[in-house]
Amino acid sequence: MSLSQVSTRPLLKRMFLALCLLLIGSIHSYAQTESTIILVRHAEKMDDSRDPELSKIGEQRAHMLYEMLVDMNVNQVYSTSYKRTQSTAKPLADSLSLQVQSYDPRDLEGFAAELKQKEGVILVVGHSNTTPMLTSLLSGQKLEKLDESDYDNLFIVSFSGGSPRLFHLHYPSFEQ
């Protein structure tokens, strides 16, 4: 097989993954932050029912999230109690022998206050409306609600000396 026959998409995904790992690691390690909170919306869902499972694409995204964060010293994982959020968080939590802790998406102000008191690297999996709102509460920066078709946003709020810094990344899309 010649080089021109090899798809560049897997290579680009691996390169992006490596860059994300470097960024997340440097934010937490080198900035000597008290906490780094990584917020994502759940991965792609099977359908629009009240509590759907992840689709095959969603399972791939959850696995990519695991690959991106497995070596980042995540010490706490939070999710709402829905199947799609729990399933997005589960690969990482299982690999780190962590429990996925549930939070109430109706009390984001209380949850943000709780998160600000924690230390370490924390993953929070939410929804198209709760993830930007929680990120705003943590960072002090206004974010808009995500579109129902947006699944590739990754927000990182890093606290150093009590001051939040917000990083907004997009991780690769998957072919439908």
C-alpha atoms as a PDB file:
ATOM      1  CA  MET A   1       0.000   0.000   0.000  1.00  0.00           C
ATOM      2  CA  SER A   2       1.427   3.356  -0.968  1.00  0.00           C
ATOM      3  CA  LEU A   3       1.433   6.358   1.321  1.00  0.00           C
ATOM      4  CA  SER A   4      -1.129   8.097  -0.885  1.00  0.00           C
ATOM      5  CA  GLN A   5      -3.563   5.216  -0.277  1.00  0.00           C
ATOM      6  CA  VAL A   6      -3.377   5.585   3.494  1.00  0.00           C
ATOM      7  CA  SER A   7      -6.168   7.702   4.963  1.00  0.00           C
ATOM      8  CA  THR A   8      -4.882  10.716   6.847  1.00  0.00           C
ATOM      9  CA  ARG A   9      -7.968  10.873   9.110  1.00  0.00           C
ATOM     10  CA  PRO A  10      -6.691   8.369  11.728  1.00  0.00           C
ATOM     11  CA  LEU A  11      -3.316  10.117  11.748  1.00  0.00           C
ATOM     12  CA  LEU A  12      -4.984  13.504  12.248  1.00  0.00           C
ATOM     13  CA  LYS A  13      -7.058  12.112  15.119  1.00  0.00           C
ATOM     14  CA  ARG A  14      -3.922  10.727  16.796  1.00  0.00           C
ATOM     15  CA  MET A  15      -2.111  14.046  16.325  1.00  0.00           C
ATOM     16  CA  PHE A  16      -5.060  15.965  17.780  1.00  0.00           C
ATOM     17  CA  LEU A  17      -5.254  13.541  20.687  1.00  0.00           C
ATOM     18  CA  ALA A  18      -1.546  14.060  21.405  1.00  0.00           C
ATOM     19  CA  LEU A  19      -1.978  17.855  21.350  1.00  0.00           C
ATOM     20  CA  CYS A  20      -4.958  17.647  23.725  1.00  0.00           C
ATOM     21  CA  LEU A  21      -2.994  15.446  26.093  1.00  0.00           C
ATOM     22  CA  LEU A  22      -0.112  17.917  26.093  1.00  0.00           C
ATOM     23  CA  LEU A  23      -2.406  20.874  26.712  1.00  0.00           C
ATOM     24  CA  ILE A  24      -4.377  19.235  29.510  1.00  0.00           C
ATOM     25  CA  GLY A  25      -1.221  17.903  31.142  1.00  0.00           C
ATOM     26  CA  SER A  26       0.559  21.231  30.946  1.00  0.00           C
ATOM     27  CA  ILE A  27      -2.422  23.148  32.301  1.00  0.00           C
ATOM     28  CA  HIS A  28      -2.572  20.981  35.394  1.00  0.00           C
ATOM     29  CA  SER A  29       1.069  20.083  35.999  1.00  0.00           C
ATOM     30  CA  TYR A  30       3.081  23.084  34.974  1.00  0.00           C
ATOM     31  CA  ALA A  31       0.692  25.801  36.089  1.00  0.00           C
ATOM     32  CA  GLN A  32       0.535  24.155  39.523  1.00  0.00           C
ATOM     33  CA  THR A  33      -3.195  24.527  39.592  1.00  0.00           C
ATOM     34  CA  GLU A  34      -5.360  23.565  42.515  1.00  0.00           C
ATOM     35  CA  SER A  35      -7.902  21.995  40.191  1.00  0.00           C
ATOM     36  CA  THR A  36      -8.591  21.407  36.551  1.00  0.00           C
ATOM     37  CA  ILE A  37     -12.194  20.710  35.618  1.00  0.00           C
ATOM     38  CA  ILE A  38     -12.872  19.148  32.222  1.00  0.00           C
ATOM     39  CA  LEU A  39     -16.454  19.514  31.039  1.00  0.00           C
ATOM     40  CA  VAL A  40     -18.048  17.738  28.091  1.00  0.00           C
ATOM     41  CA  ARG A  41     -21.501  17.099  26.786  1.00  0.00           C
ATOM     42  CA  HIS A  42     -22.500  13.447  26.606  1.00  0.00           C
ATOM     43  CA  ALA A  43     -21.550  11.620  23.417  1.00  0.00           C
ATOM     44  CA  GLU A  44     -23.955  11.012  20.532  1.00  0.00           C
ATOM     45  CA  LYS A  45     -27.204   9.373  21.602  1.00  0.00           C
ATOM     46  CA  MET A  46     -29.192   6.601  19.947  1.00  0.00           C
ATOM     47  CA  ASP A  47     -32.410   8.626  19.526  1.00  0.00           C
ATOM     48  CA  ASP A  48     -34.439  11.483  21.000  1.00  0.00           C
ATOM     49  CA  SER A  49     -36.251   9.454  23.645  1.00  0.00           C
ATOM     50  CA  ARG A  50     -36.134  10.613  27.284  1.00  0.00           C
ATOM     51  CA  ASP A  51     -33.167   8.461  28.372  1.00  0.00           C
ATOM     52  CA  PRO A  52     -31.464   6.898  25.333  1.00  0.00           C
ATOM     53  CA  GLU A  53     -28.306   4.836  25.170  1.00  0.00           C
ATOM     54  CA  LEU A  54     -25.271   6.005  23.202  1.00  0.00           C
ATOM     55  CA  SER A  55     -25.158   5.302  19.481  1.00  0.00           C
ATOM     56  CA  LYS A  56     -22.181   3.464  17.952  1.00  0.00           C
ATOM     57  CA  ILE A  57     -20.661   6.869  17.126  1.00  0.00           C
ATOM     58  CA  GLY A  58     -21.300   7.930  20.728  1.00  0.00           C
ATOM     59  CA  GLU A  59     -19.485   4.850  21.997  1.00  0.00           C
ATOM     60  CA  GLN A  60     -16.515   5.786  19.792  1.00  0.00           C
ATOM     61  CA  ARG A  61     -16.537   9.318  21.214  1.00  0.00           C
ATOM     62  CA  ALA A  62     -16.701   8.010  24.799  1.00  0.00           C
ATOM     63  CA  HIS A  63     -13.696   5.805  24.011  1.00  0.00           C
ATOM     64  CA  MET A  64     -11.808   8.775  22.539  1.00  0.00           C
ATOM     65  CA  LEU A  65     -12.543  10.765  25.696  1.00  0.00           C
ATOM     66  CA  TYR A  66     -11.099   7.858  27.682  1.00  0.00           C
ATOM     67  CA  GLU A  67      -7.974   7.854  25.480  1.00  0.00           C
ATOM     68  CA  MET A  68      -7.548  11.607  25.885  1.00  0.00           C
ATOM     69  CA  LEU A  69      -7.857  11.595  29.674  1.00  0.00           C
ATOM     70  CA  VAL A  70      -6.620   8.210  30.922  1.00  0.00           C
ATOM     71  CA  ASP A  71      -3.118   9.503  31.696  1.00  0.00           C
ATOM     72  CA  MET A  72      -4.194  12.908  33.036  1.00  0.00           C
ATOM     73  CA  ASN A  73      -4.511  11.892  36.710  1.00  0.00           C
ATOM     74  CA  VAL A  74      -8.278  12.356  36.758  1.00  0.00           C
ATOM     75  CA  ASN A  75      -9.282  11.727  40.362  1.00  0.00           C
ATOM     76  CA  GLN A  76     -13.043  12.387  40.221  1.00  0.00           C
ATOM     77  CA  VAL A  77     -15.734  11.781  37.613  1.00  0.00           C
ATOM     78  CA  TYR A  78     -19.206  13.351  37.698  1.00  0.00           C
ATOM     79  CA  SER A  79     -22.229  12.814  35.493  1.00  0.00           C
ATOM     80  CA  THR A  80     -25.944  13.363  35.553  1.00  0.00           C
ATOM     81  CA  SER A  81     -27.954  10.196  36.140  1.00  0.00           C
ATOM     82  CA  TYR A  82     -28.978   9.702  32.503  1.00  0.00           C
ATOM     83  CA  LYS A  83     -27.748   6.657  30.536  1.00  0.00           C
ATOM     84  CA  ARG A  84     -26.032   8.769  27.866  1.00  0.00           C
ATOM     85  CA  THR A  85     -23.993  10.807  30.363  1.00  0.00           C
ATOM     86  CA  GLN A  86     -23.151   7.805  32.524  1.00  0.00           C
ATOM     87  CA  SER A  87     -22.077   5.829  29.427  1.00  0.00           C
ATOM     88  CA  THR A  88     -19.868   8.703  28.254  1.00  0.00           C
ATOM     89  CA  ALA A  89     -18.071   8.841  31.616  1.00  0.00           C
ATOM     90  CA  LYS A  90     -17.925   5.080  32.254  1.00  0.00           C
ATOM     91  CA  PRO A  91     -14.904   4.020  30.114  1.00  0.00           C
ATOM     92  CA  LEU A  92     -12.612   6.503  31.862  1.00  0.00           C
ATOM     93  CA  ALA A  93     -14.038   5.925  35.330  1.00  0.00           C
ATOM     94  CA  ASP A  94     -13.806   2.141  34.980  1.00  0.00           C
ATOM     95  CA  SER A  95     -10.212   2.286  33.753  1.00  0.00           C
ATOM     96  CA  LEU A  96      -9.243   4.424  36.769  1.00  0.00           C
ATOM     97  CA  SER A  97     -11.324   2.408  39.258  1.00  0.00           C
ATOM     98  CA  LEU A  98     -13.398   5.503  40.040  1.00  0.00           C
ATOM     99  CA  GLN A  99     -17.107   5.728  40.724  1.00  0.00           C
ATOM    100  CA  VAL A 100     -19.119   7.977  38.449  1.00  0.00           C
ATOM    101  CA  GLN A 101     -20.669  10.369  40.952  1.00  0.00           C
ATOM    102  CA  SER A 102     -24.067  11.809  40.077  1.00  0.00           C
ATOM    103  CA  TYR A 103     -24.857  15.498  40.293  1.00  0.00           C
ATOM    104  CA  ASP A 104     -28.142  17.331  40.047  1.00  0.00           C
ATOM    105  CA  PRO A 105     -28.309  19.369  36.813  1.00  0.00           C
ATOM    106  CA  ARG A 106     -31.101  21.463  38.380  1.00  0.00           C
ATOM    107  CA  ASP A 107     -28.648  22.879  40.969  1.00  0.00           C
ATOM    108  CA  LEU A 108     -25.701  23.981  38.855  1.00  0.00           C
ATOM    109  CA  GLU A 109     -24.869  26.918  41.130  1.00  0.00           C
ATOM    110  CA  GLY A 110     -24.529  24.596  44.123  1.00  0.00           C
ATOM    111  CA  PHE A 111     -22.547  22.069  42.100  1.00  0.00           C
ATOM    112  CA  ALA A 112     -20.214  24.801  40.765  1.00  0.00           C
ATOM    113  CA  ALA A 113     -19.561  25.984  44.331  1.00  0.00           C
ATOM    114  CA  GLU A 114     -18.802  22.392  45.348  1.00  0.00           C
ATOM    115  CA  LEU A 115     -16.425  21.875  42.392  1.00  0.00           C
ATOM    116  CA  LYS A 116     -14.532  25.073  43.198  1.00  0.00           C
ATOM    117  CA  GLN A 117     -13.624  23.574  46.586  1.00  0.00           C
ATOM    118  CA  LYS A 118     -12.124  20.390  45.109  1.00  0.00           C
ATOM    119  CA  GLU A 119      -8.562  19.681  44.048  1.00  0.00           C
ATOM    120  CA  GLY A 120      -7.159  17.586  41.244  1.00  0.00           C
ATOM    121  CA  VAL A 121      -8.373  16.806  37.757  1.00  0.00           C
ATOM    122  CA  ILE A 122     -12.128  16.364  37.520  1.00  0.00           C
ATOM    123  CA  LEU A 123     -14.275  15.217  34.593  1.00  0.00           C
ATOM    124  CA  VAL A 124     -17.889  16.432  34.430  1.00  0.00           C
ATOM    125  CA  VAL A 125     -20.265  15.026  31.799  1.00  0.00           C
ATOM    126  CA  GLY A 126     -23.453  16.964  31.174  1.00  0.00           C
ATOM    127  CA  HIS A 127     -25.871  18.083  28.478  1.00  0.00           C
ATOM    128  CA  SER A 128     -26.142  20.683  25.702  1.00  0.00           C
ATOM    129  CA  ASN A 129     -27.709  23.191  28.088  1.00  0.00           C
ATOM    130  CA  THR A 130     -26.010  22.316  31.401  1.00  0.00           C
ATOM    131  CA  THR A 131     -22.393  21.997  30.233  1.00  0.00           C
ATOM    132  CA  PRO A 132     -22.054  25.587  28.961  1.00  0.00           C
ATOM    133  CA  MET A 133     -23.988  26.923  31.951  1.00  0.00           C
ATOM    134  CA  LEU A 134     -21.781  25.068  34.454  1.00  0.00           C
ATOM    135  CA  THR A 135     -18.660  26.139  32.537  1.00  0.00           C
ATOM    136  CA  SER A 136     -19.870  29.760  32.741  1.00  0.00           C
ATOM    137  CA  LEU A 137     -20.462  29.474  36.486  1.00  0.00           C
ATOM    138  CA  LEU A 138     -16.954  28.055  36.995  1.00  0.00           C
ATOM    139  CA  SER A 139     -15.065  30.361  34.635  1.00  0.00           C
ATOM    140  CA  GLY A 140     -17.015  33.591  34.988  1.00  0.00           C
ATOM    141  CA  GLN A 141     -17.294  33.765  31.184  1.00  0.00           C
ATOM    142  CA  LYS A 142     -20.647  33.679  29.401  1.00  0.00           C
ATOM    143  CA  LEU A 143     -21.144  30.700  27.082  1.00  0.00           C
ATOM    144  CA  GLU A 144     -24.130  29.959  24.888  1.00  0.00           C
ATOM    145  CA  LYS A 145     -26.156  26.747  25.035  1.00  0.00           C
ATOM    146  CA  LEU A 146     -24.826  24.115  22.646  1.00  0.00           C
ATOM    147  CA  ASP A 147     -26.785  23.110  19.578  1.00  0.00           C
ATOM    148  CA  GLU A 148     -28.364  19.663  19.768  1.00  0.00           C
ATOM    149  CA  SER A 149     -25.932  18.491  17.063  1.00  0.00           C
ATOM    150  CA  ASP A 150     -22.787  19.660  18.939  1.00  0.00           C
ATOM    151  CA  TYR A 151     -20.919  16.807  20.587  1.00  0.00           C
ATOM    152  CA  ASP A 152     -17.278  17.792  20.053  1.00  0.00           C
ATOM    153  CA  ASN A 153     -16.830  20.574  22.636  1.00  0.00           C
ATOM    154  CA  LEU A 154     -14.373  20.093  25.471  1.00  0.00           C
ATOM    155  CA  PHE A 155     -14.143  22.869  28.049  1.00  0.00           C
ATOM    156  CA  ILE A 156     -11.290  23.057  30.535  1.00  0.00           C
ATOM    157  CA  VAL A 157     -11.479  25.366  33.551  1.00  0.00           C
ATOM    158  CA  SER A 158      -8.214  25.553  35.429  1.00  0.00           C
ATOM    159  CA  PHE A 159      -7.890  27.239  38.820  1.00  0.00           C
ATOM    160  CA  SER A 160      -4.585  28.679  39.952  1.00  0.00           C
ATOM    161  CA  GLY A 161      -4.514  31.010  42.924  1.00  0.00           C
ATOM    162  CA  GLY A 162      -8.306  31.001  42.886  1.00  0.00           C
ATOM    163  CA  SER A 163      -8.496  32.555  39.410  1.00  0.00           C
ATOM    164  CA  PRO A 164     -10.178  30.513  36.669  1.00  0.00           C
ATOM    165  CA  ARG A 165      -8.769  30.148  33.161  1.00  0.00           C
ATOM    166  CA  LEU A 166     -11.014  28.786  30.421  1.00  0.00           C
ATOM    167  CA  PHE A 167      -9.831  26.725  27.463  1.00  0.00           C
ATOM    168  CA  HIS A 168     -12.290  25.619  24.776  1.00  0.00           C
ATOM    169  CA  LEU A 169     -11.307  22.749  22.486  1.00  0.00           C
ATOM    170  CA  HIS A 170     -13.100  20.667  19.881  1.00  0.00           C
ATOM    171  CA  TYR A 171     -12.248  17.041  19.566  1.00  0.00           C
ATOM    172  CA  PRO A 172     -12.626  15.155  16.275  1.00  0.00           C
ATOM    173  CA  SER A 173     -15.963  14.352  14.734  1.00  0.00           C
ATOM    174  CA  PHE A 174     -16.854  10.843  13.708  1.00  0.00           C
ATOM    175  CA  GLU A 175     -18.339   9.716  10.412  1.00  0.00           C
ATOM    176  CA  GLN A 176     -22.068   9.073  10.706  1.00  0.00           C
END
